[in-house]
Amino acid sequence: MFNYKIKVLVVDDFPTMRRIIKNLLKQLGFENIDEAENGEDALRKLRSTEYGLIISDWNMPVMEGIELLRQMRNDPALKEIPFLMVTAEAEKEKVIEAIKAGVDNYIVKPFTGEVLKEKLEKIAQKRPSLKGGQ
């Protein structure tokens, strides 16, 4: 079971993609979902509000998802927040780069709600903050 009460931040420069991810999260049971259009916007929100999960696109203008991830992992206040990277690119180098930067999991577009759930379950096994009561 997930902790569906946590606040989720969806970061993507395309409003349509943000809406798709938000809808998938709602179908899974998450209710508290916020959005940001790039890494810089996300960091601003992260520094003023508490989030329990970040789902971020990799390729965005202003600040990419990988840079957002690096900045979060170097910030004592943000480094423990679970991070799921979303990308259209499945190259091994990108996956390795994201893992080295401290990503919790990685999802390739397009994806289904089932795939999203599987990835989140894998993160929840490692991150107790994502687990909820039975």
N, C-alpha and C. Protein backbone atom coordinates (compact mmCIF):
# COMPACT_ATOMS: atom_id res chain seq x y z
N MET A 1 0.83 -1.20 0.00
CA MET A 1 0.00 0.00 0.00
C MET A 1 0.87 1.25 0.00
N PHE A 2 0.41 2.25 -0.68
CA PHE A 2 1.11 3.54 -0.70
C PHE A 2 0.56 4.46 0.37
N ASN A 3 1.37 5.43 0.72
CA ASN A 3 0.88 6.53 1.55
C ASN A 3 0.28 7.54 0.57
N TYR A 4 -1.02 7.45 0.35
CA TYR A 4 -1.68 8.30 -0.65
C TYR A 4 -1.84 9.74 -0.19
N LYS A 5 -1.48 10.01 1.07
CA LYS A 5 -1.64 11.35 1.62
C LYS A 5 -0.48 12.28 1.24
N ILE A 6 0.63 11.69 0.81
CA ILE A 6 1.79 12.52 0.49
C ILE A 6 1.48 13.48 -0.66
N LYS A 7 2.19 14.59 -0.66
CA LYS A 7 2.03 15.57 -1.74
C LYS A 7 3.02 15.20 -2.85
N VAL A 8 2.51 15.08 -4.07
CA VAL A 8 3.32 14.70 -5.22
C VAL A 8 3.53 15.92 -6.11
N LEU A 9 4.77 16.12 -6.57
CA LEU A 9 5.07 17.20 -7.50
C LEU A 9 5.39 16.60 -8.87
N VAL A 10 4.58 16.95 -9.87
CA VAL A 10 4.78 16.49 -11.24
C VAL A 10 5.45 17.62 -12.02
N VAL A 11 6.64 17.33 -12.57
CA VAL A 11 7.42 18.36 -13.27
C VAL A 11 7.58 17.99 -14.74
N ASP A 12 7.00 18.81 -15.61
CA ASP A 12 7.08 18.56 -17.06
C ASP A 12 6.76 19.87 -17.77
N ASP A 13 7.44 20.14 -18.87
CA ASP A 13 7.18 21.40 -19.58
C ASP A 13 5.93 21.34 -20.44
N PHE A 14 5.39 20.14 -20.67
CA PHE A 14 4.17 20.02 -21.46
C PHE A 14 2.95 19.85 -20.56
N PRO A 15 2.00 20.81 -20.58
CA PRO A 15 0.80 20.71 -19.76
C PRO A 15 0.03 19.41 -19.98
N THR A 16 0.00 18.92 -21.22
CA THR A 16 -0.72 17.68 -21.52
C THR A 16 -0.09 16.50 -20.78
N MET A 17 1.22 16.44 -20.76
CA MET A 17 1.91 15.35 -20.07
C MET A 17 1.68 15.44 -18.56
N ARG A 18 1.72 16.66 -18.03
CA ARG A 18 1.44 16.83 -16.59
C ARG A 18 0.03 16.32 -16.27
N ARG A 19 -0.93 16.66 -17.14
CA ARG A 19 -2.31 16.23 -16.92
C ARG A 19 -2.43 14.70 -16.97
N ILE A 20 -1.76 14.07 -17.92
CA ILE A 20 -1.78 12.61 -18.05
C ILE A 20 -1.22 11.97 -16.77
N ILE A 21 -0.08 12.44 -16.33
CA ILE A 21 0.55 11.87 -15.12
C ILE A 21 -0.34 12.10 -13.90
N LYS A 22 -0.90 13.30 -13.78
CA LYS A 22 -1.79 13.59 -12.66
C LYS A 22 -3.00 12.66 -12.67
N ASN A 23 -3.58 12.43 -13.85
CA ASN A 23 -4.73 11.52 -13.96
C ASN A 23 -4.36 10.10 -13.55
N LEU A 24 -3.18 9.64 -13.99
CA LEU A 24 -2.72 8.29 -13.62
C LEU A 24 -2.53 8.19 -12.11
N LEU A 25 -1.95 9.24 -11.51
CA LEU A 25 -1.74 9.25 -10.06
C LEU A 25 -3.08 9.22 -9.31
N LYS A 26 -4.03 9.98 -9.82
CA LYS A 26 -5.37 10.00 -9.19
C LYS A 26 -6.02 8.63 -9.28
N GLN A 27 -5.84 7.96 -10.42
CA GLN A 27 -6.40 6.60 -10.58
C GLN A 27 -5.77 5.64 -9.57
N LEU A 28 -4.49 5.87 -9.23
CA LEU A 28 -3.81 5.02 -8.25
C LEU A 28 -4.26 5.34 -6.83
N GLY A 29 -4.83 6.54 -6.62
CA GLY A 29 -5.31 6.90 -5.29
C GLY A 29 -4.68 8.14 -4.68
N PHE A 30 -3.70 8.72 -5.36
CA PHE A 30 -3.08 9.95 -4.86
C PHE A 30 -4.03 11.13 -5.10
N GLU A 31 -4.14 12.01 -4.11
CA GLU A 31 -5.08 13.13 -4.23
C GLU A 31 -4.38 14.48 -4.21
N ASN A 32 -3.23 14.54 -3.53
CA ASN A 32 -2.56 15.81 -3.31
C ASN A 32 -1.44 15.97 -4.33
N ILE A 33 -1.78 16.50 -5.50
CA ILE A 33 -0.82 16.58 -6.62
C ILE A 33 -0.64 18.02 -7.06
N ASP A 34 0.61 18.43 -7.14
CA ASP A 34 0.95 19.79 -7.57
C ASP A 34 1.78 19.64 -8.86
N GLU A 35 1.98 20.74 -9.57
CA GLU A 35 2.78 20.65 -10.79
C GLU A 35 3.72 21.83 -10.96
N ALA A 36 4.78 21.59 -11.73
CA ALA A 36 5.77 22.62 -12.06
C ALA A 36 6.16 22.42 -13.52
N GLU A 37 6.52 23.52 -14.20
CA GLU A 37 6.80 23.39 -15.63
C GLU A 37 8.27 23.20 -15.98
N ASN A 38 9.16 23.32 -15.01
CA ASN A 38 10.58 23.02 -15.24
C ASN A 38 11.27 22.85 -13.89
N GLY A 39 12.55 22.47 -13.92
CA GLY A 39 13.29 22.22 -12.69
C GLY A 39 13.40 23.42 -11.78
N GLU A 40 13.56 24.60 -12.37
CA GLU A 40 13.69 25.82 -11.57
C GLU A 40 12.39 26.10 -10.81
N ASP A 41 11.28 26.00 -11.52
CA ASP A 41 9.96 26.18 -10.94
C ASP A 41 9.76 25.14 -9.81
N ALA A 42 10.18 23.90 -10.07
CA ALA A 42 10.05 22.82 -9.08
C ALA A 42 10.87 23.13 -7.83
N LEU A 43 12.11 23.59 -8.00
CA LEU A 43 12.96 23.89 -6.85
C LEU A 43 12.34 24.98 -5.98
N ARG A 44 11.78 26.00 -6.63
CA ARG A 44 11.10 27.07 -5.89
C ARG A 44 9.99 26.49 -5.02
N LYS A 45 9.19 25.61 -5.60
CA LYS A 45 8.09 25.00 -4.86
C LYS A 45 8.61 24.08 -3.75
N LEU A 46 9.66 23.32 -4.05
CA LEU A 46 10.23 22.40 -3.08
C LEU A 46 10.77 23.11 -1.85
N ARG A 47 11.23 24.34 -2.04
CA ARG A 47 11.82 25.09 -0.93
C ARG A 47 10.76 25.77 -0.07
N SER A 48 9.51 25.79 -0.54
CA SER A 48 8.46 26.44 0.24
C SER A 48 7.34 25.50 0.70
N THR A 49 7.29 24.30 0.13
CA THR A 49 6.24 23.33 0.46
C THR A 49 6.87 21.96 0.63
N GLU A 50 6.27 21.14 1.48
CA GLU A 50 6.80 19.80 1.69
C GLU A 50 6.17 18.81 0.71
N TYR A 51 7.00 18.08 -0.01
CA TYR A 51 6.53 17.07 -0.96
C TYR A 51 7.07 15.71 -0.55
N GLY A 52 6.31 14.66 -0.89
CA GLY A 52 6.73 13.30 -0.54
C GLY A 52 7.22 12.50 -1.73
N LEU A 53 7.06 13.06 -2.95
CA LEU A 53 7.46 12.35 -4.17
C LEU A 53 7.57 13.35 -5.32
N ILE A 54 8.63 13.19 -6.12
CA ILE A 54 8.81 14.00 -7.33
C ILE A 54 8.75 13.07 -8.53
N ILE A 55 7.93 13.43 -9.52
CA ILE A 55 7.90 12.72 -10.80
C ILE A 55 8.26 13.78 -11.83
N SER A 56 9.47 13.66 -12.39
CA SER A 56 9.97 14.72 -13.26
C SER A 56 10.40 14.22 -14.63
N ASP A 57 10.08 15.01 -15.64
CA ASP A 57 10.56 14.78 -16.98
C ASP A 57 12.06 15.09 -17.00
N TRP A 58 12.79 14.50 -17.93
CA TRP A 58 14.22 14.78 -18.05
C TRP A 58 14.43 16.03 -18.90
N ASN A 59 13.88 16.04 -20.11
CA ASN A 59 14.15 17.13 -21.06
C ASN A 59 13.15 18.27 -20.90
N MET A 60 13.66 19.39 -20.36
CA MET A 60 12.83 20.59 -20.19
C MET A 60 13.70 21.82 -20.38
N PRO A 61 13.11 22.93 -20.84
CA PRO A 61 13.87 24.17 -20.91
C PRO A 61 14.11 24.71 -19.50
N VAL A 62 14.94 25.71 -19.38
CA VAL A 62 15.29 26.40 -18.14
C VAL A 62 16.15 25.52 -17.23
N MET A 63 15.58 24.41 -16.72
CA MET A 63 16.38 23.46 -15.94
C MET A 63 15.84 22.06 -16.18
N GLU A 64 16.72 21.18 -16.64
CA GLU A 64 16.33 19.80 -16.93
C GLU A 64 16.11 18.99 -15.66
N GLY A 65 15.43 17.87 -15.81
CA GLY A 65 15.15 17.00 -14.68
C GLY A 65 16.40 16.47 -14.00
N ILE A 66 17.44 16.17 -14.78
CA ILE A 66 18.68 15.63 -14.19
C ILE A 66 19.35 16.69 -13.31
N GLU A 67 19.27 17.96 -13.71
CA GLU A 67 19.84 19.04 -12.90
C GLU A 67 19.02 19.26 -11.64
N LEU A 68 17.71 19.16 -11.76
CA LEU A 68 16.81 19.24 -10.59
C LEU A 68 17.18 18.14 -9.60
N LEU A 69 17.35 16.92 -10.11
CA LEU A 69 17.72 15.78 -9.27
C LEU A 69 19.04 16.04 -8.56
N ARG A 70 20.05 16.50 -9.29
CA ARG A 70 21.37 16.77 -8.68
C ARG A 70 21.27 17.83 -7.59
N GLN A 71 20.53 18.90 -7.87
CA GLN A 71 20.40 19.96 -6.87
C GLN A 71 19.66 19.46 -5.63
N MET A 72 18.64 18.64 -5.84
CA MET A 72 17.91 18.08 -4.70
C MET A 72 18.80 17.17 -3.86
N ARG A 73 19.58 16.32 -4.51
CA ARG A 73 20.43 15.38 -3.78
C ARG A 73 21.57 16.09 -3.04
N ASN A 74 21.89 17.31 -3.45
CA ASN A 74 22.93 18.10 -2.77
C ASN A 74 22.35 19.03 -1.71
N ASP A 75 21.05 19.01 -1.53
CA ASP A 75 20.38 19.89 -0.57
C ASP A 75 19.90 19.04 0.60
N PRO A 76 20.47 19.25 1.80
CA PRO A 76 20.09 18.43 2.96
C PRO A 76 18.59 18.39 3.23
N ALA A 77 17.88 19.46 2.91
CA ALA A 77 16.44 19.52 3.17
C ALA A 77 15.62 18.74 2.13
N LEU A 78 16.21 18.50 0.95
CA LEU A 78 15.46 17.87 -0.15
C LEU A 78 15.98 16.50 -0.55
N LYS A 79 17.17 16.13 -0.07
CA LYS A 79 17.85 14.94 -0.62
C LYS A 79 17.15 13.62 -0.37
N GLU A 80 16.25 13.56 0.61
CA GLU A 80 15.58 12.29 0.91
C GLU A 80 14.26 12.09 0.16
N ILE A 81 13.83 13.09 -0.62
CA ILE A 81 12.55 12.97 -1.32
C ILE A 81 12.69 11.98 -2.48
N PRO A 82 11.84 10.95 -2.54
CA PRO A 82 11.89 9.99 -3.66
C PRO A 82 11.69 10.70 -5.00
N PHE A 83 12.46 10.27 -6.01
CA PHE A 83 12.47 10.93 -7.32
C PHE A 83 12.32 9.89 -8.42
N LEU A 84 11.27 10.05 -9.21
CA LEU A 84 11.02 9.18 -10.36
C LEU A 84 11.25 9.99 -11.63
N MET A 85 12.21 9.59 -12.44
CA MET A 85 12.53 10.31 -13.68
C MET A 85 11.71 9.75 -14.83
N VAL A 86 11.12 10.66 -15.59
CA VAL A 86 10.33 10.29 -16.76
C VAL A 86 11.06 10.80 -18.00
N THR A 87 11.23 9.95 -19.00
CA THR A 87 11.90 10.41 -20.20
C THR A 87 11.47 9.61 -21.42
N ALA A 88 11.67 10.20 -22.57
CA ALA A 88 11.37 9.51 -23.82
C ALA A 88 12.61 8.74 -24.28
N GLU A 89 13.72 8.92 -23.56
CA GLU A 89 14.97 8.30 -23.98
C GLU A 89 15.37 7.16 -23.06
N ALA A 90 15.63 6.03 -23.65
CA ALA A 90 15.97 4.85 -22.85
C ALA A 90 17.43 4.44 -23.02
N GLU A 91 18.28 5.39 -23.46
CA GLU A 91 19.69 5.01 -23.66
C GLU A 91 20.32 4.64 -22.33
N LYS A 92 21.18 3.64 -22.40
CA LYS A 92 21.84 3.14 -21.20
C LYS A 92 22.62 4.25 -20.49
N GLU A 93 23.27 5.12 -21.26
CA GLU A 93 24.08 6.19 -20.66
C GLU A 93 23.22 7.10 -19.80
N LYS A 94 22.02 7.40 -20.30
CA LYS A 94 21.10 8.28 -19.56
C LYS A 94 20.66 7.61 -18.26
N VAL A 95 20.35 6.32 -18.34
CA VAL A 95 19.93 5.59 -17.15
C VAL A 95 21.06 5.60 -16.12
N ILE A 96 22.27 5.33 -16.56
CA ILE A 96 23.43 5.31 -15.67
C ILE A 96 23.65 6.69 -15.05
N GLU A 97 23.54 7.74 -15.86
CA GLU A 97 23.70 9.11 -15.37
C GLU A 97 22.67 9.42 -14.28
N ALA A 98 21.43 9.02 -14.51
CA ALA A 98 20.36 9.26 -13.53
C ALA A 98 20.61 8.48 -12.24
N ILE A 99 21.07 7.23 -12.37
CA ILE A 99 21.36 6.41 -11.19
C ILE A 99 22.50 7.03 -10.38
N LYS A 100 23.54 7.46 -11.08
CA LYS A 100 24.68 8.11 -10.40
C LYS A 100 24.24 9.38 -9.68
N ALA A 101 23.26 10.07 -10.25
CA ALA A 101 22.78 11.32 -9.65
C ALA A 101 21.83 11.06 -8.48
N GLY A 102 21.41 9.81 -8.30
CA GLY A 102 20.60 9.46 -7.15
C GLY A 102 19.11 9.29 -7.41
N VAL A 103 18.76 8.97 -8.66
CA VAL A 103 17.34 8.76 -8.98
C VAL A 103 16.85 7.49 -8.29
N ASP A 104 15.58 7.47 -7.90
CA ASP A 104 15.01 6.28 -7.26
C ASP A 104 14.51 5.27 -8.29
N ASN A 105 13.98 5.79 -9.38
CA ASN A 105 13.55 4.90 -10.46
C ASN A 105 13.38 5.72 -11.73
N TYR A 106 13.10 5.03 -12.82
CA TYR A 106 13.18 5.59 -14.16
C TYR A 106 12.04 5.02 -14.97
N ILE A 107 11.32 5.86 -15.69
CA ILE A 107 10.18 5.39 -16.47
C ILE A 107 10.26 5.98 -17.88
N VAL A 108 10.03 5.17 -18.89
CA VAL A 108 10.16 5.64 -20.27
C VAL A 108 8.77 5.89 -20.88
N LYS A 109 8.62 7.07 -21.50
CA LYS A 109 7.35 7.42 -22.19
C LYS A 109 7.26 6.65 -23.50
N PRO A 110 6.08 6.28 -23.93
CA PRO A 110 4.80 6.38 -23.21
C PRO A 110 4.70 5.24 -22.20
N PHE A 111 3.91 5.44 -21.15
CA PHE A 111 3.75 4.40 -20.14
C PHE A 111 2.30 4.36 -19.66
N THR A 112 1.95 3.24 -19.02
CA THR A 112 0.58 3.05 -18.53
C THR A 112 0.54 3.27 -17.02
N GLY A 113 -0.66 3.33 -16.49
CA GLY A 113 -0.84 3.44 -15.05
C GLY A 113 -0.24 2.25 -14.32
N GLU A 114 -0.32 1.08 -14.97
CA GLU A 114 0.23 -0.15 -14.38
C GLU A 114 1.74 -0.05 -14.23
N VAL A 115 2.41 0.46 -15.26
CA VAL A 115 3.87 0.62 -15.22
C VAL A 115 4.24 1.65 -14.14
N LEU A 116 3.49 2.75 -14.08
CA LEU A 116 3.74 3.78 -13.06
C LEU A 116 3.60 3.17 -11.67
N LYS A 117 2.56 2.38 -11.47
CA LYS A 117 2.33 1.73 -10.17
C LYS A 117 3.50 0.81 -9.81
N GLU A 118 3.96 0.02 -10.78
CA GLU A 118 5.09 -0.89 -10.54
C GLU A 118 6.34 -0.13 -10.11
N LYS A 119 6.63 0.97 -10.82
CA LYS A 119 7.81 1.77 -10.50
C LYS A 119 7.69 2.37 -9.11
N LEU A 120 6.50 2.87 -8.76
CA LEU A 120 6.29 3.46 -7.44
C LEU A 120 6.38 2.40 -6.34
N GLU A 121 5.91 1.19 -6.64
CA GLU A 121 6.01 0.11 -5.65
C GLU A 121 7.48 -0.24 -5.38
N LYS A 122 8.29 -0.23 -6.44
CA LYS A 122 9.72 -0.50 -6.27
C LYS A 122 10.37 0.58 -5.40
N ILE A 123 9.97 1.84 -5.64
CA ILE A 123 10.52 2.94 -4.83
C ILE A 123 10.06 2.76 -3.38
N ALA A 124 8.80 2.41 -3.16
CA ALA A 124 8.24 2.27 -1.80
C ALA A 124 8.96 1.17 -1.01
N GLN A 125 9.49 0.15 -1.70
CA GLN A 125 10.24 -0.90 -1.02
C GLN A 125 11.50 -0.34 -0.38
N LYS A 126 12.08 0.70 -1.01
CA LYS A 126 13.32 1.29 -0.51
C LYS A 126 13.07 2.54 0.33
N ARG A 127 11.93 3.17 0.12
CA ARG A 127 11.63 4.44 0.78
C ARG A 127 10.39 4.31 1.66
N PRO A 128 10.58 4.12 2.96
CA PRO A 128 9.43 3.93 3.86
C PRO A 128 8.43 5.10 3.82
N SER A 129 8.88 6.29 3.46
CA SER A 129 7.99 7.47 3.43
C SER A 129 6.86 7.29 2.42
N LEU A 130 7.06 6.43 1.43
CA LEU A 130 6.02 6.21 0.41
C LEU A 130 5.01 5.14 0.84
N LYS A 131 5.37 4.38 1.88
CA LYS A 131 4.48 3.31 2.32
C LYS A 131 3.38 3.87 3.22
N GLY A 132 2.20 3.31 3.06
CA GLY A 132 1.08 3.72 3.91
C GLY A 132 0.63 2.55 4.76
N GLY A 133 -0.37 2.79 5.57
CA GLY A 133 -0.94 1.71 6.38
C GLY A 133 -1.74 0.75 5.52
N GLN A 134 -2.02 -0.40 6.04
CA GLN A 134 -2.77 -1.40 5.29
C GLN A 134 -4.25 -1.10 5.30
